[in-house]
PDB file of N, CA and C in Angstrom:
ATOM      1  N   GLU A   1       0.872  -1.190  -0.036  1.00  0.00           N
ATOM      2  CA  GLU A   1       0.127   0.012  -0.012  1.00  0.00           C
ATOM      3  C   GLU A   1       0.900   1.373   0.007  1.00  0.00           C
ATOM      4  N   ILE A   2       1.998   1.247   0.715  1.00  0.00           N
ATOM      5  CA  ILE A   2       2.867   2.436   0.921  1.00  0.00           C
ATOM      6  C   ILE A   2       3.406   2.818  -0.523  1.00  0.00           C
ATOM      7  N   ALA A   3       3.695   1.737  -1.240  1.00  0.00           N
ATOM      8  CA  ALA A   3       4.299   2.021  -2.578  1.00  0.00           C
ATOM      9  C   ALA A   3       3.183   2.606  -3.458  1.00  0.00           C
ATOM     10  N   TYR A   4       1.910   2.316  -3.286  1.00  0.00           N
ATOM     11  CA  TYR A   4       0.794   2.869  -4.027  1.00  0.00           C
ATOM     12  C   TYR A   4       0.441   4.407  -3.563  1.00  0.00           C
ATOM     13  N   THR A   5       0.320   4.555  -2.226  1.00  0.00           N
ATOM     14  CA  THR A   5      -0.024   5.823  -1.661  1.00  0.00           C
ATOM     15  C   THR A   5       1.156   6.700  -1.438  1.00  0.00           C
ATOM     16  N   GLY A   6       2.157   6.270  -1.124  1.00  0.00           N
ATOM     17  CA  GLY A   6       3.421   7.077  -0.701  1.00  0.00           C
ATOM     18  C   GLY A   6       3.439   7.315   0.787  1.00  0.00           C
ATOM     19  N   HIS A   7       4.678   7.628   1.096  1.00  0.00           N
ATOM     20  CA  HIS A   7       4.929   7.950   2.502  1.00  0.00           C
ATOM     21  C   HIS A   7       4.284   9.214   3.056  1.00  0.00           C
ATOM     22  N   LEU A   8       3.736   9.289   4.331  1.00  0.00           N
ATOM     23  CA  LEU A   8       3.109  10.399   4.778  1.00  0.00           C
ATOM     24  C   LEU A   8       4.094  11.356   5.264  1.00  0.00           C
ATOM     25  N   SER A   9       5.187  10.813   5.773  1.00  0.00           N
ATOM     26  CA  SER A   9       6.368  11.775   6.127  1.00  0.00           C
ATOM     27  C   SER A   9       7.496  10.932   6.531  1.00  0.00           C
ATOM     28  N   GLY A  10       8.617  11.568   6.562  1.00  0.00           N
ATOM     29  CA  GLY A  10       9.907  10.673   6.949  1.00  0.00           C
ATOM     30  C   GLY A  10       9.965  10.248   8.491  1.00  0.00           C
ATOM     31  N   ASP A  11       8.934  10.892   9.240  1.00  0.00           N
ATOM     32  CA  ASP A  11       9.001  10.581  10.616  1.00  0.00           C
ATOM     33  C   ASP A  11       8.035   9.392  10.839  1.00  0.00           C
ATOM     34  N   VAL A  12       7.233   9.006   9.954  1.00  0.00           N
ATOM     35  CA  VAL A  12       6.101   8.032   9.990  1.00  0.00           C
ATOM     36  C   VAL A  12       6.828   6.657   9.903  1.00  0.00           C
ATOM     37  N   ARG A  13       6.554   5.685  10.769  1.00  0.00           N
ATOM     38  CA  ARG A  13       6.977   4.338  10.816  1.00  0.00           C
ATOM     39  C   ARG A  13       5.787   3.453  10.370  1.00  0.00           C
ATOM     40  N   ALA A  14       6.022   2.518   9.491  1.00  0.00           N
ATOM     41  CA  ALA A  14       5.047   1.606   9.013  1.00  0.00           C
ATOM     42  C   ALA A  14       5.061   0.392   9.603  1.00  0.00           C
ATOM     43  N   LEU A  15       3.968  -0.157  10.059  1.00  0.00           N
ATOM     44  CA  LEU A  15       3.930  -1.517  10.562  1.00  0.00           C
ATOM     45  C   LEU A  15       2.495  -2.152  10.053  1.00  0.00           C
ATOM     46  N   PRO A  16       2.521  -3.159   9.234  1.00  0.00           N
ATOM     47  CA  PRO A  16       1.340  -3.522   8.676  1.00  0.00           C
ATOM     48  C   PRO A  16       0.395  -4.260   9.682  1.00  0.00           C
ATOM     49  N   LEU A  17      -0.865  -4.167   9.525  1.00  0.00           N
ATOM     50  CA  LEU A  17      -1.894  -4.711  10.557  1.00  0.00           C
ATOM     51  C   LEU A  17      -1.792  -6.109  10.903  1.00  0.00           C
ATOM     52  N   PRO A  18      -1.406  -7.036   9.969  1.00  0.00           N
ATOM     53  CA  PRO A  18      -1.131  -8.451  10.386  1.00  0.00           C
ATOM     54  C   PRO A  18       0.007  -8.606  11.455  1.00  0.00           C
ATOM     55  N   LEU A  19       0.945  -7.736  11.260  1.00  0.00           N
ATOM     56  CA  LEU A  19       2.043  -7.876  12.236  1.00  0.00           C
ATOM     57  C   LEU A  19       1.571  -7.335  13.646  1.00  0.00           C
ATOM     58  N   ILE A  20       0.698  -6.410  13.572  1.00  0.00           N
ATOM     59  CA  ILE A  20       0.137  -5.734  14.914  1.00  0.00           C
ATOM     60  C   ILE A  20      -0.700  -6.859  15.425  1.00  0.00           C
ATOM     61  N   MET A  21      -1.478  -7.568  14.699  1.00  0.00           N
ATOM     62  CA  MET A  21      -2.462  -8.541  15.202  1.00  0.00           C
ATOM     63  C   MET A  21      -1.763  -9.866  15.608  1.00  0.00           C
ATOM     64  N   GLU A  22      -0.651 -10.083  15.156  1.00  0.00           N
ATOM     65  CA  GLU A  22       0.226 -11.114  15.648  1.00  0.00           C
ATOM     66  C   GLU A  22       0.951 -10.877  16.900  1.00  0.00           C
ATOM     67  N   GLY A  23       0.942  -9.748  17.424  1.00  0.00           N
ATOM     68  CA  GLY A  23       1.382  -9.398  18.746  1.00  0.00           C
ATOM     69  C   GLY A  23       2.776  -8.578  18.640  1.00  0.00           C
ATOM     70  N   ALA A  24       2.886  -7.807  17.710  1.00  0.00           N
ATOM     71  CA  ALA A  24       4.112  -6.906  17.570  1.00  0.00           C
ATOM     72  C   ALA A  24       4.363  -6.041  18.711  1.00  0.00           C
ATOM     73  N   PHE A  25       3.365  -5.625  19.254  1.00  0.00           N
ATOM     74  CA  PHE A  25       3.311  -4.674  20.470  1.00  0.00           C
ATOM     75  C   PHE A  25       3.452  -5.353  21.803  1.00  0.00           C
ATOM     76  N   SER A  26       3.510  -6.686  21.696  1.00  0.00           N
ATOM     77  CA  SER A  26       3.509  -7.474  23.030  1.00  0.00           C
ATOM     78  C   SER A  26       5.074  -7.898  23.090  1.00  0.00           C
ATOM     79  N   MET A  27       5.818  -7.574  22.007  1.00  0.00           N
ATOM     80  CA  MET A  27       7.287  -7.864  22.163  1.00  0.00           C
ATOM     81  C   MET A  27       8.114  -6.953  23.132  1.00  0.00           C
ATOM     82  N   SER A  28       9.194  -7.567  23.492  1.00  0.00           N
ATOM     83  CA  SER A  28      10.011  -6.662  24.513  1.00  0.00           C
ATOM     84  C   SER A  28      10.604  -5.366  23.577  1.00  0.00           C
ATOM     85  N   PRO A  29      10.922  -4.439  24.173  1.00  0.00           N
ATOM     86  CA  PRO A  29      11.490  -3.276  23.502  1.00  0.00           C
ATOM     87  C   PRO A  29      12.614  -3.594  22.629  1.00  0.00           C
ATOM     88  N   ASP A  30      13.594  -4.513  23.145  1.00  0.00           N
ATOM     89  CA  ASP A  30      14.638  -4.894  22.294  1.00  0.00           C
ATOM     90  C   ASP A  30      14.358  -5.766  21.073  1.00  0.00           C
ATOM     91  N   ASP A  31      13.419  -6.742  21.388  1.00  0.00           N
ATOM     92  CA  ASP A  31      13.086  -7.592  20.166  1.00  0.00           C
ATOM     93  C   ASP A  31      12.346  -6.733  19.150  1.00  0.00           C
ATOM     94  N   PHE A  32      11.410  -5.875  19.609  1.00  0.00           N
ATOM     95  CA  PHE A  32      10.864  -4.951  18.754  1.00  0.00           C
ATOM     96  C   PHE A  32      11.727  -4.263  17.836  1.00  0.00           C
ATOM     97  N   LYS A  33      12.677  -3.541  18.442  1.00  0.00           N
ATOM     98  CA  LYS A  33      13.638  -2.761  17.662  1.00  0.00           C
ATOM     99  C   LYS A  33      14.419  -3.664  16.769  1.00  0.00           C
ATOM    100  N   GLU A  34      14.890  -4.780  17.109  1.00  0.00           N
ATOM    101  CA  GLU A  34      15.590  -5.675  16.276  1.00  0.00           C
ATOM    102  C   GLU A  34      14.779  -5.970  15.032  1.00  0.00           C
ATOM    103  N   GLN A  35      13.559  -6.312  15.326  1.00  0.00           N
ATOM    104  CA  GLN A  35      12.573  -7.016  14.316  1.00  0.00           C
ATOM    105  C   GLN A  35      12.219  -5.885  13.230  1.00  0.00           C
ATOM    106  N   PHE A  36      11.898  -4.535  13.835  1.00  0.00           N
ATOM    107  CA  PHE A  36      11.228  -3.590  12.883  1.00  0.00           C
ATOM    108  C   PHE A  36      12.204  -2.386  12.676  1.00  0.00           C
ATOM    109  N   GLY A  37      13.301  -2.211  13.308  1.00  0.00           N
ATOM    110  CA  GLY A  37      14.300  -1.103  13.141  1.00  0.00           C
ATOM    111  C   GLY A  37      14.025   0.102  13.521  1.00  0.00           C
ATOM    112  N   PHE A  38      12.974   0.196  14.609  1.00  0.00           N
ATOM    113  CA  PHE A  38      12.681   1.508  15.257  1.00  0.00           C
ATOM    114  C   PHE A  38      12.199   1.000  16.703  1.00  0.00           C
ATOM    115  N   SER A  39      12.308   1.993  17.609  1.00  0.00           N
ATOM    116  CA  SER A  39      12.069   1.827  18.987  1.00  0.00           C
ATOM    117  C   SER A  39      10.419   1.505  19.226  1.00  0.00           C
ATOM    118  N   LYS A  40      10.100   0.777  19.979  1.00  0.00           N
ATOM    119  CA  LYS A  40       8.808   0.448  20.379  1.00  0.00           C
ATOM    120  C   LYS A  40       8.265   1.664  21.112  1.00  0.00           C
ATOM    121  N   PRO A  41       7.011   2.112  20.791  1.00  0.00           N
ATOM    122  CA  PRO A  41       6.485   3.185  21.532  1.00  0.00           C
ATOM    123  C   PRO A  41       6.198   2.780  23.059  1.00  0.00           C
ATOM    124  N   ASP A  42       6.564   3.731  23.930  1.00  0.00           N
ATOM    125  CA  ASP A  42       6.072   3.474  25.507  1.00  0.00           C
ATOM    126  C   ASP A  42       4.564   3.613  25.612  1.00  0.00           C
ATOM    127  N   PRO A  43       3.954   2.659  26.135  1.00  0.00           N
ATOM    128  CA  PRO A  43       2.571   2.784  26.372  1.00  0.00           C
ATOM    129  C   PRO A  43       2.148   3.832  27.286  1.00  0.00           C
ATOM    130  N   ASP A  44       3.062   4.375  28.193  1.00  0.00           N
ATOM    131  CA  ASP A  44       2.809   5.363  29.223  1.00  0.00           C
ATOM    132  C   ASP A  44       3.021   6.834  28.633  1.00  0.00           C
ATOM    133  N   ASP A  45       4.024   6.868  27.622  1.00  0.00           N
ATOM    134  CA  ASP A  45       4.422   8.140  27.327  1.00  0.00           C
ATOM    135  C   ASP A  45       4.289   8.508  25.709  1.00  0.00           C
ATOM    136  N   SER A  46       3.850   7.658  25.059  1.00  0.00           N
ATOM    137  CA  SER A  46       3.691   7.798  23.513  1.00  0.00           C
ATOM    138  C   SER A  46       2.288   7.949  23.033  1.00  0.00           C
ATOM    139  N   THR A  47       2.080   8.753  22.186  1.00  0.00           N
ATOM    140  CA  THR A  47       0.799   8.941  21.353  1.00  0.00           C
ATOM    141  C   THR A  47       1.162   8.208  19.931  1.00  0.00           C
ATOM    142  N   VAL A  48       0.369   7.165  19.809  1.00  0.00           N
ATOM    143  CA  VAL A  48       0.610   6.343  18.644  1.00  0.00           C
ATOM    144  C   VAL A  48      -0.562   6.771  17.593  1.00  0.00           C
ATOM    145  N   VAL A  49      -0.255   7.048  16.343  1.00  0.00           N
ATOM    146  CA  VAL A  49      -1.274   7.245  15.349  1.00  0.00           C
ATOM    147  C   VAL A  49      -1.203   6.328  14.292  1.00  0.00           C
ATOM    148  N   PHE A  50      -2.427   5.755  13.955  1.00  0.00           N
ATOM    149  CA  PHE A  50      -2.594   4.818  12.880  1.00  0.00           C
ATOM    150  C   PHE A  50      -3.268   5.457  11.769  1.00  0.00           C
ATOM    151  N   THR A  51      -2.749   5.093  10.491  1.00  0.00           N
ATOM    152  CA  THR A  51      -3.435   5.303   9.356  1.00  0.00           C
ATOM    153  C   THR A  51      -3.390   4.212   8.325  1.00  0.00           C
ATOM    154  N   CYS A  52      -4.161   4.233   7.438  1.00  0.00           N
ATOM    155  CA  CYS A  52      -4.065   3.244   6.336  1.00  0.00           C
ATOM    156  C   CYS A  52      -4.820   3.944   5.090  1.00  0.00           C
ATOM    157  N   LYS A  53      -5.083   3.149   4.009  1.00  0.00           N
ATOM    158  CA  LYS A  53      -5.534   4.063   2.814  1.00  0.00           C
ATOM    159  C   LYS A  53      -6.825   4.740   3.040  1.00  0.00           C
ATOM    160  N   ALA A  54      -7.731   4.124   3.782  1.00  0.00           N
ATOM    161  CA  ALA A  54      -9.140   4.617   3.955  1.00  0.00           C
ATOM    162  C   ALA A  54      -9.497   4.819   5.402  1.00  0.00           C
ATOM    163  N   GLY A  55      -8.899   4.302   6.358  1.00  0.00           N
ATOM    164  CA  GLY A  55      -9.000   4.343   7.792  1.00  0.00           C
ATOM    165  C   GLY A  55      -9.647   3.278   8.436  1.00  0.00           C
ATOM    166  N   ILE A  56      -9.944   2.165   7.817  1.00  0.00           N
ATOM    167  CA  ILE A  56     -10.631   0.965   8.411  1.00  0.00           C
ATOM    168  C   ILE A  56      -9.678   0.065   9.095  1.00  0.00           C
ATOM    169  N   ARG A  57      -8.594  -0.235   8.556  1.00  0.00           N
ATOM    170  CA  ARG A  57      -7.542  -1.086   9.124  1.00  0.00           C
ATOM    171  C   ARG A  57      -6.954  -0.363  10.217  1.00  0.00           C
ATOM    172  N   SER A  58      -6.767   0.901  10.092  1.00  0.00           N
ATOM    173  CA  SER A  58      -6.091   1.668  11.262  1.00  0.00           C
ATOM    174  C   SER A  58      -6.993   1.739  12.525  1.00  0.00           C
ATOM    175  N   MET A  59      -8.303   1.650  12.281  1.00  0.00           N
ATOM    176  CA  MET A  59      -9.247   1.497  13.463  1.00  0.00           C
ATOM    177  C   MET A  59      -9.141   0.162  13.937  1.00  0.00           C
ATOM    178  N   THR A  60      -8.923  -0.871  13.436  1.00  0.00           N
ATOM    179  CA  THR A  60      -8.739  -2.315  13.791  1.00  0.00           C
ATOM    180  C   THR A  60      -7.329  -2.095  14.641  1.00  0.00           C
ATOM    181  N   ALA A  61      -6.477  -1.594  14.123  1.00  0.00           N
ATOM    182  CA  ALA A  61      -5.014  -1.388  14.787  1.00  0.00           C
ATOM    183  C   ALA A  61      -5.112  -0.766  16.095  1.00  0.00           C
ATOM    184  N   CYS A  62      -5.838   0.227  16.356  1.00  0.00           N
ATOM    185  CA  CYS A  62      -6.061   0.929  17.465  1.00  0.00           C
ATOM    186  C   CYS A  62      -6.727   0.006  18.487  1.00  0.00           C
ATOM    187  N   GLN A  63      -7.801  -0.699  18.139  1.00  0.00           N
ATOM    188  CA  GLN A  63      -8.419  -1.549  18.968  1.00  0.00           C
ATOM    189  C   GLN A  63      -7.603  -2.710  19.410  1.00  0.00           C
ATOM    190  N   VAL A  64      -6.776  -3.270  18.561  1.00  0.00           N
ATOM    191  CA  VAL A  64      -5.938  -4.472  18.907  1.00  0.00           C
ATOM    192  C   VAL A  64      -4.770  -3.872  19.801  1.00  0.00           C
ATOM    193  N   LEU A  65      -4.248  -2.920  19.527  1.00  0.00           N
ATOM    194  CA  LEU A  65      -3.166  -2.309  20.449  1.00  0.00           C
ATOM    195  C   LEU A  65      -3.575  -1.796  21.743  1.00  0.00           C
ATOM    196  N   ALA A  66      -4.794  -1.376  21.928  1.00  0.00           N
ATOM    197  CA  ALA A  66      -5.415  -0.982  23.217  1.00  0.00           C
ATOM    198  C   ALA A  66      -5.382  -2.309  23.965  1.00  0.00           C
ATOM    199  N   MET A  67      -5.869  -3.358  23.387  1.00  0.00           N
ATOM    200  CA  MET A  67      -5.997  -4.653  24.213  1.00  0.00           C
ATOM    201  C   MET A  67      -4.687  -5.421  24.460  1.00  0.00           C
ATOM    202  N   GLN A  68      -3.704  -5.313  23.326  1.00  0.00           N
ATOM    203  CA  GLN A  68      -2.455  -6.051  23.466  1.00  0.00           C
ATOM    204  C   GLN A  68      -1.558  -5.373  24.639  1.00  0.00           C
ATOM    205  N   GLY A  69      -1.410  -4.037  24.445  1.00  0.00           N
ATOM    206  CA  GLY A  69      -0.301  -3.492  25.269  1.00  0.00           C
ATOM    207  C   GLY A  69      -0.556  -2.492  26.236  1.00  0.00           C
ATOM    208  N   GLY A  70      -2.028  -2.194  26.449  1.00  0.00           N
ATOM    209  CA  GLY A  70      -2.309  -1.288  27.330  1.00  0.00           C
ATOM    210  C   GLY A  70      -2.175   0.242  26.851  1.00  0.00           C
ATOM    211  N   TYR A  71      -2.027   0.293  25.473  1.00  0.00           N
ATOM    212  CA  TYR A  71      -1.869   1.707  25.023  1.00  0.00           C
ATOM    213  C   TYR A  71      -3.151   2.503  25.253  1.00  0.00           C
ATOM    214  N   THR A  72      -3.175   3.683  25.712  1.00  0.00           N
ATOM    215  CA  THR A  72      -4.367   4.558  25.712  1.00  0.00           C
ATOM    216  C   THR A  72      -4.373   5.758  24.979  1.00  0.00           C
ATOM    217  N   ARG A  73      -3.270   6.053  24.624  1.00  0.00           N
ATOM    218  CA  ARG A  73      -3.061   7.424  23.694  1.00  0.00           C
ATOM    219  C   ARG A  73      -3.054   6.966  22.349  1.00  0.00           C
ATOM    220  N   LEU A  74      -4.062   6.612  21.659  1.00  0.00           N
ATOM    221  CA  LEU A  74      -4.078   6.107  20.293  1.00  0.00           C
ATOM    222  C   LEU A  74      -4.974   7.093  19.442  1.00  0.00           C
ATOM    223  N   VAL A  75      -4.597   7.245  18.205  1.00  0.00           N
ATOM    224  CA  VAL A  75      -5.386   8.149  17.291  1.00  0.00           C
ATOM    225  C   VAL A  75      -5.514   7.303  15.866  1.00  0.00           C
ATOM    226  N   ASN A  76      -6.631   7.299  15.533  1.00  0.00           N
ATOM    227  CA  ASN A  76      -6.993   6.688  14.250  1.00  0.00           C
ATOM    228  C   ASN A  76      -7.137   7.854  13.377  1.00  0.00           C
ATOM    229  N   TYR A  77      -6.224   8.117  12.325  1.00  0.00           N
ATOM    230  CA  TYR A  77      -6.283   9.109  11.433  1.00  0.00           C
ATOM    231  C   TYR A  77      -7.325   8.610  10.371  1.00  0.00           C
ATOM    232  N   ARG A  78      -8.701   8.905  10.503  1.00  0.00           N
ATOM    233  CA  ARG A  78      -9.759   8.278   9.869  1.00  0.00           C
ATOM    234  C   ARG A  78      -9.671   8.347   8.336  1.00  0.00           C
ATOM    235  N   GLY A  79      -9.282   9.652   7.849  1.00  0.00           N
ATOM    236  CA  GLY A  79      -9.307  10.010   6.456  1.00  0.00           C
ATOM    237  C   GLY A  79      -8.242   9.113   5.671  1.00  0.00           C
ATOM    238  N   GLY A  80      -7.326   8.630   6.493  1.00  0.00           N
ATOM    239  CA  GLY A  80      -6.108   7.843   5.772  1.00  0.00           C
ATOM    240  C   GLY A  80      -5.390   8.384   4.701  1.00  0.00           C
ATOM    241  N   ALA A  81      -4.823   7.742   3.991  1.00  0.00           N
ATOM    242  CA  ALA A  81      -3.863   8.330   2.853  1.00  0.00           C
ATOM    243  C   ALA A  81      -4.614   9.018   1.877  1.00  0.00           C
ATOM    244  N   ILE A  82      -5.920   8.557   1.657  1.00  0.00           N
ATOM    245  CA  ILE A  82      -6.744   9.209   0.666  1.00  0.00           C
ATOM    246  C   ILE A  82      -6.920  10.714   0.973  1.00  0.00           C
ATOM    247  N   ASP A  83      -7.121  11.060   2.237  1.00  0.00           N
ATOM    248  CA  ASP A  83      -7.434  12.401   2.795  1.00  0.00           C
ATOM    249  C   ASP A  83      -6.066  13.136   2.788  1.00  0.00           C
ATOM    250  N   TRP A  84      -5.109  12.398   3.382  1.00  0.00           N
ATOM    251  CA  TRP A  84      -3.710  13.096   3.633  1.00  0.00           C
ATOM    252  C   TRP A  84      -3.308  13.704   2.287  1.00  0.00           C
ATOM    253  N   PHE A  85      -3.346  12.952   1.177  1.00  0.00           N
ATOM    254  CA  PHE A  85      -2.727  13.476  -0.004  1.00  0.00           C
ATOM    255  C   PHE A  85      -3.624  14.258  -1.015  1.00  0.00           C
ATOM    256  N   SER A  86      -4.874  14.482  -0.482  1.00  0.00           N
ATOM    257  CA  SER A  86      -5.866  15.178  -1.234  1.00  0.00           C
ATOM    258  C   SER A  86      -5.818  16.639  -1.086  1.00  0.00           C
TER     259      SER A  86
END
């Protein structure tokens, strides 16, 4: 999808929904960084923003992450890449 829509910004880190659903955010911080190449967001101090092409998968990601890791500062950018680039 990123190849089709493009990157939102250089600061954005991409993590596909299937990896989130498989427990990516349940990994230890060290394992997460080794696997994905960036630091795992801290559930107590980080606001995590999810987006996708239209906003549906990002909503699922927010729900899964809240259950998986106790994250409470989650944002679903509902417009997704379609809105961002228009």
